[in-house]
N, C-alpha and C. Protein backbone atom coordinates (compact mmCIF):
# COMPACT_ATOMS: atom_id res chain seq x y z
N MET A 1 -130.46 20.70 17.74
CA MET A 1 -130.01 20.74 19.12
C MET A 1 -130.52 19.53 19.90
N ILE A 2 -131.79 19.20 19.73
CA ILE A 2 -132.35 18.07 20.46
C ILE A 2 -131.77 16.76 19.94
N VAL A 3 -131.44 16.70 18.65
CA VAL A 3 -130.85 15.49 18.07
C VAL A 3 -129.48 15.24 18.67
N GLN A 4 -128.71 16.29 18.89
CA GLN A 4 -127.39 16.14 19.50
C GLN A 4 -127.50 15.60 20.91
N LYS A 5 -128.49 16.05 21.66
CA LYS A 5 -128.67 15.56 23.02
C LYS A 5 -129.10 14.10 23.04
N VAL A 6 -129.92 13.70 22.09
CA VAL A 6 -130.34 12.31 22.01
C VAL A 6 -129.15 11.42 21.64
N ILE A 7 -128.33 11.88 20.72
CA ILE A 7 -127.13 11.12 20.34
C ILE A 7 -126.18 11.00 21.53
N ALA A 8 -125.98 12.09 22.27
CA ALA A 8 -125.12 12.05 23.45
C ALA A 8 -125.67 11.09 24.49
N LEU A 9 -126.99 11.07 24.65
CA LEU A 9 -127.60 10.14 25.60
C LEU A 9 -127.37 8.69 25.16
N LEU A 10 -127.51 8.42 23.87
CA LEU A 10 -127.26 7.06 23.37
C LEU A 10 -125.80 6.66 23.55
N ILE A 11 -124.90 7.63 23.37
CA ILE A 11 -123.48 7.34 23.56
C ILE A 11 -123.21 6.95 25.01
N MET A 12 -123.98 7.46 25.93
CA MET A 12 -123.80 7.12 27.34
C MET A 12 -124.57 5.86 27.75
N VAL A 13 -125.73 5.62 27.15
CA VAL A 13 -126.59 4.52 27.58
C VAL A 13 -126.10 3.17 27.04
N ILE A 14 -125.66 3.13 25.80
CA ILE A 14 -125.24 1.84 25.21
C ILE A 14 -124.05 1.24 25.96
N PRO A 15 -122.96 2.00 26.23
CA PRO A 15 -121.88 1.41 27.02
C PRO A 15 -122.31 1.06 28.45
N ALA A 16 -123.23 1.83 29.02
CA ALA A 16 -123.71 1.50 30.37
C ALA A 16 -124.46 0.16 30.35
N ALA A 17 -125.22 -0.10 29.31
CA ALA A 17 -125.92 -1.39 29.19
C ALA A 17 -124.92 -2.53 29.02
N ILE A 18 -123.86 -2.31 28.27
CA ILE A 18 -122.82 -3.33 28.11
C ILE A 18 -122.14 -3.60 29.44
N ALA A 19 -121.87 -2.53 30.22
CA ALA A 19 -121.25 -2.70 31.53
C ALA A 19 -122.17 -3.47 32.48
N MET A 20 -123.47 -3.21 32.41
CA MET A 20 -124.41 -3.97 33.24
C MET A 20 -124.39 -5.45 32.86
N TYR A 21 -124.29 -5.73 31.57
CA TYR A 21 -124.21 -7.13 31.14
C TYR A 21 -122.91 -7.76 31.64
N GLY A 22 -121.83 -6.97 31.68
CA GLY A 22 -120.56 -7.47 32.22
C GLY A 22 -120.69 -7.84 33.69
N ILE A 23 -121.41 -7.02 34.46
CA ILE A 23 -121.64 -7.33 35.87
C ILE A 23 -122.42 -8.63 36.00
N LYS A 24 -123.40 -8.83 35.12
CA LYS A 24 -124.19 -10.06 35.14
C LYS A 24 -123.31 -11.28 34.84
N LEU A 25 -122.41 -11.14 33.87
CA LEU A 25 -121.52 -12.26 33.55
C LEU A 25 -120.60 -12.59 34.71
N ILE A 26 -120.07 -11.58 35.39
CA ILE A 26 -119.20 -11.80 36.54
C ILE A 26 -119.98 -12.49 37.65
N ARG A 27 -121.18 -12.01 37.91
CA ARG A 27 -122.01 -12.60 38.96
C ARG A 27 -122.33 -14.06 38.65
N ASP A 28 -122.71 -14.33 37.42
CA ASP A 28 -123.04 -15.71 37.04
C ASP A 28 -121.83 -16.62 37.16
N ALA A 29 -120.66 -16.13 36.80
CA ALA A 29 -119.45 -16.96 36.90
C ALA A 29 -119.19 -17.35 38.35
N PHE A 30 -119.39 -16.42 39.27
CA PHE A 30 -119.17 -16.74 40.68
C PHE A 30 -120.25 -17.65 41.24
N PHE A 31 -121.50 -17.41 40.90
CA PHE A 31 -122.57 -18.22 41.46
C PHE A 31 -122.60 -19.62 40.86
N TYR A 32 -122.30 -19.76 39.59
CA TYR A 32 -122.28 -21.10 38.99
C TYR A 32 -121.09 -21.91 39.48
N SER A 33 -120.07 -21.25 40.00
CA SER A 33 -118.91 -21.99 40.51
C SER A 33 -119.26 -22.74 41.79
N THR A 34 -120.35 -22.38 42.46
CA THR A 34 -120.75 -23.08 43.68
C THR A 34 -121.50 -24.38 43.37
N ALA A 35 -121.93 -24.55 42.14
CA ALA A 35 -122.63 -25.78 41.76
C ALA A 35 -121.61 -26.93 41.72
N PRO A 36 -121.98 -28.10 42.21
CA PRO A 36 -121.02 -29.20 42.28
C PRO A 36 -120.61 -29.77 40.92
N ASP A 37 -121.48 -29.68 39.93
CA ASP A 37 -121.17 -30.30 38.64
C ASP A 37 -120.57 -29.32 37.63
N VAL A 38 -120.45 -28.05 38.00
CA VAL A 38 -119.93 -27.04 37.07
C VAL A 38 -118.63 -26.49 37.65
N GLY A 39 -117.57 -26.47 36.83
CA GLY A 39 -116.32 -25.88 37.27
C GLY A 39 -116.39 -24.37 37.21
N PHE A 40 -115.29 -23.73 37.57
CA PHE A 40 -115.26 -22.27 37.54
C PHE A 40 -115.17 -21.81 36.09
N MET A 41 -115.95 -20.83 35.74
CA MET A 41 -116.05 -20.36 34.35
C MET A 41 -115.08 -19.18 34.13
N TRP A 42 -113.83 -19.51 33.84
CA TRP A 42 -112.82 -18.46 33.66
C TRP A 42 -113.11 -17.61 32.44
N GLY A 43 -113.54 -18.22 31.36
CA GLY A 43 -113.83 -17.46 30.14
C GLY A 43 -114.94 -16.45 30.35
N GLN A 44 -115.99 -16.86 31.04
CA GLN A 44 -117.10 -15.96 31.31
C GLN A 44 -116.68 -14.85 32.26
N LEU A 45 -115.83 -15.16 33.23
CA LEU A 45 -115.35 -14.15 34.16
C LEU A 45 -114.51 -13.10 33.44
N ILE A 46 -113.59 -13.54 32.60
CA ILE A 46 -112.73 -12.61 31.87
C ILE A 46 -113.55 -11.77 30.90
N LEU A 47 -114.49 -12.39 30.21
CA LEU A 47 -115.37 -11.64 29.31
C LEU A 47 -116.20 -10.61 30.08
N GLY A 48 -116.68 -10.99 31.25
CA GLY A 48 -117.45 -10.06 32.08
C GLY A 48 -116.62 -8.89 32.56
N VAL A 49 -115.38 -9.15 32.95
CA VAL A 49 -114.50 -8.06 33.40
C VAL A 49 -114.22 -7.10 32.24
N LEU A 50 -113.95 -7.65 31.07
CA LEU A 50 -113.72 -6.79 29.91
C LEU A 50 -114.97 -6.01 29.53
N ALA A 51 -116.14 -6.67 29.61
CA ALA A 51 -117.39 -5.98 29.28
C ALA A 51 -117.75 -4.94 30.33
N LEU A 52 -117.14 -4.99 31.49
CA LEU A 52 -117.37 -3.99 32.51
C LEU A 52 -116.37 -2.84 32.40
N VAL A 53 -115.11 -3.16 32.21
CA VAL A 53 -114.04 -2.14 32.26
C VAL A 53 -114.01 -1.28 31.00
N ILE A 54 -114.12 -1.88 29.83
CA ILE A 54 -114.00 -1.11 28.58
C ILE A 54 -115.09 -0.05 28.45
N PRO A 55 -116.37 -0.35 28.70
CA PRO A 55 -117.38 0.72 28.63
C PRO A 55 -117.19 1.81 29.68
N ILE A 56 -116.73 1.43 30.88
CA ILE A 56 -116.49 2.45 31.91
C ILE A 56 -115.39 3.40 31.46
N LEU A 57 -114.32 2.87 30.87
CA LEU A 57 -113.25 3.73 30.36
C LEU A 57 -113.75 4.60 29.21
N PHE A 58 -114.61 4.05 28.36
CA PHE A 58 -115.17 4.83 27.27
C PHE A 58 -116.02 5.99 27.79
N ILE A 59 -116.87 5.71 28.77
CA ILE A 59 -117.71 6.77 29.34
C ILE A 59 -116.85 7.83 30.01
N ALA A 60 -115.81 7.41 30.73
CA ALA A 60 -114.93 8.37 31.39
C ALA A 60 -114.22 9.25 30.37
N GLY A 61 -113.76 8.67 29.27
CA GLY A 61 -113.11 9.45 28.23
C GLY A 61 -114.07 10.40 27.54
N PHE A 62 -115.30 9.96 27.35
CA PHE A 62 -116.31 10.83 26.74
C PHE A 62 -116.60 12.03 27.63
N ILE A 63 -116.75 11.80 28.93
CA ILE A 63 -117.02 12.91 29.85
C ILE A 63 -115.83 13.84 29.92
N LEU A 64 -114.60 13.29 29.97
CA LEU A 64 -113.41 14.14 30.02
C LEU A 64 -113.29 14.99 28.76
N HIS A 65 -113.55 14.41 27.60
CA HIS A 65 -113.49 15.17 26.35
C HIS A 65 -114.53 16.29 26.36
N HIS A 66 -115.73 16.00 26.82
CA HIS A 66 -116.80 17.00 26.86
C HIS A 66 -116.44 18.14 27.82
N GLU A 67 -115.88 17.80 28.96
CA GLU A 67 -115.53 18.83 29.94
C GLU A 67 -114.31 19.64 29.49
N ARG A 68 -113.39 19.02 28.76
CA ARG A 68 -112.25 19.78 28.22
C ARG A 68 -112.70 20.83 27.22
N LYS A 69 -113.69 20.48 26.40
CA LYS A 69 -114.20 21.44 25.41
C LYS A 69 -114.80 22.66 26.09
N LYS A 70 -115.36 22.49 27.26
CA LYS A 70 -116.00 23.60 27.97
C LYS A 70 -115.08 24.22 29.02
N ASN A 71 -113.81 23.80 29.06
CA ASN A 71 -112.81 24.31 30.02
C ASN A 71 -113.28 24.19 31.47
N ARG A 72 -113.83 23.03 31.81
CA ARG A 72 -114.31 22.81 33.17
C ARG A 72 -113.53 21.71 33.87
N VAL A 73 -112.27 21.52 33.52
CA VAL A 73 -111.45 20.52 34.18
C VAL A 73 -110.29 21.20 34.88
N GLN A 74 -109.68 20.49 35.80
CA GLN A 74 -108.52 21.03 36.49
C GLN A 74 -107.36 21.13 35.51
N PRO A 75 -106.41 22.03 35.79
CA PRO A 75 -105.29 22.22 34.85
C PRO A 75 -104.48 20.94 34.58
N ARG A 76 -104.42 20.03 35.53
CA ARG A 76 -103.63 18.81 35.30
C ARG A 76 -104.27 17.89 34.27
N PHE A 77 -105.57 18.07 33.98
CA PHE A 77 -106.25 17.25 32.98
C PHE A 77 -106.34 17.93 31.62
N MET A 78 -105.90 19.16 31.53
CA MET A 78 -105.91 19.88 30.25
C MET A 78 -104.80 19.34 29.35
N ILE A 79 -105.01 19.41 28.05
CA ILE A 79 -103.98 18.99 27.09
C ILE A 79 -102.93 20.07 27.03
N ARG A 80 -101.70 19.67 27.27
CA ARG A 80 -100.62 20.65 27.29
C ARG A 80 -100.19 21.02 25.89
N GLU A 81 -99.90 22.28 25.71
CA GLU A 81 -99.43 22.76 24.42
C GLU A 81 -97.95 22.49 24.31
N PRO A 82 -97.45 22.15 23.12
CA PRO A 82 -96.00 21.91 22.98
C PRO A 82 -95.23 23.20 23.22
N GLU A 83 -94.15 23.05 23.97
CA GLU A 83 -93.32 24.22 24.28
C GLU A 83 -92.32 24.44 23.16
N ASP A 84 -92.12 25.72 22.82
CA ASP A 84 -91.15 26.07 21.81
C ASP A 84 -89.81 26.32 22.47
N ASP A 85 -88.77 25.63 22.00
CA ASP A 85 -87.44 25.80 22.58
C ASP A 85 -86.65 26.87 21.85
N GLU A 86 -87.19 27.44 20.83
CA GLU A 86 -86.46 28.41 20.03
C GLU A 86 -86.54 29.78 20.62
């Protein structure tokens, strides 16, 4: 039981750390663009946005999956069962 909770915590912490690194990349891209000898770092900005958005979507999907298993979501977020036309 405790091992499952530790694994769940790691599943949440690792993407959060990646998202924090993405915020750092975005911040650095904007601040280094003010330097006169350095151009705007488009590659670093795009990498930072991806490193921010993908882990956030992963965490959101993990939480939604966990809440669906416990039936604690609104009906619009539940997986619909296929309707039989017969």
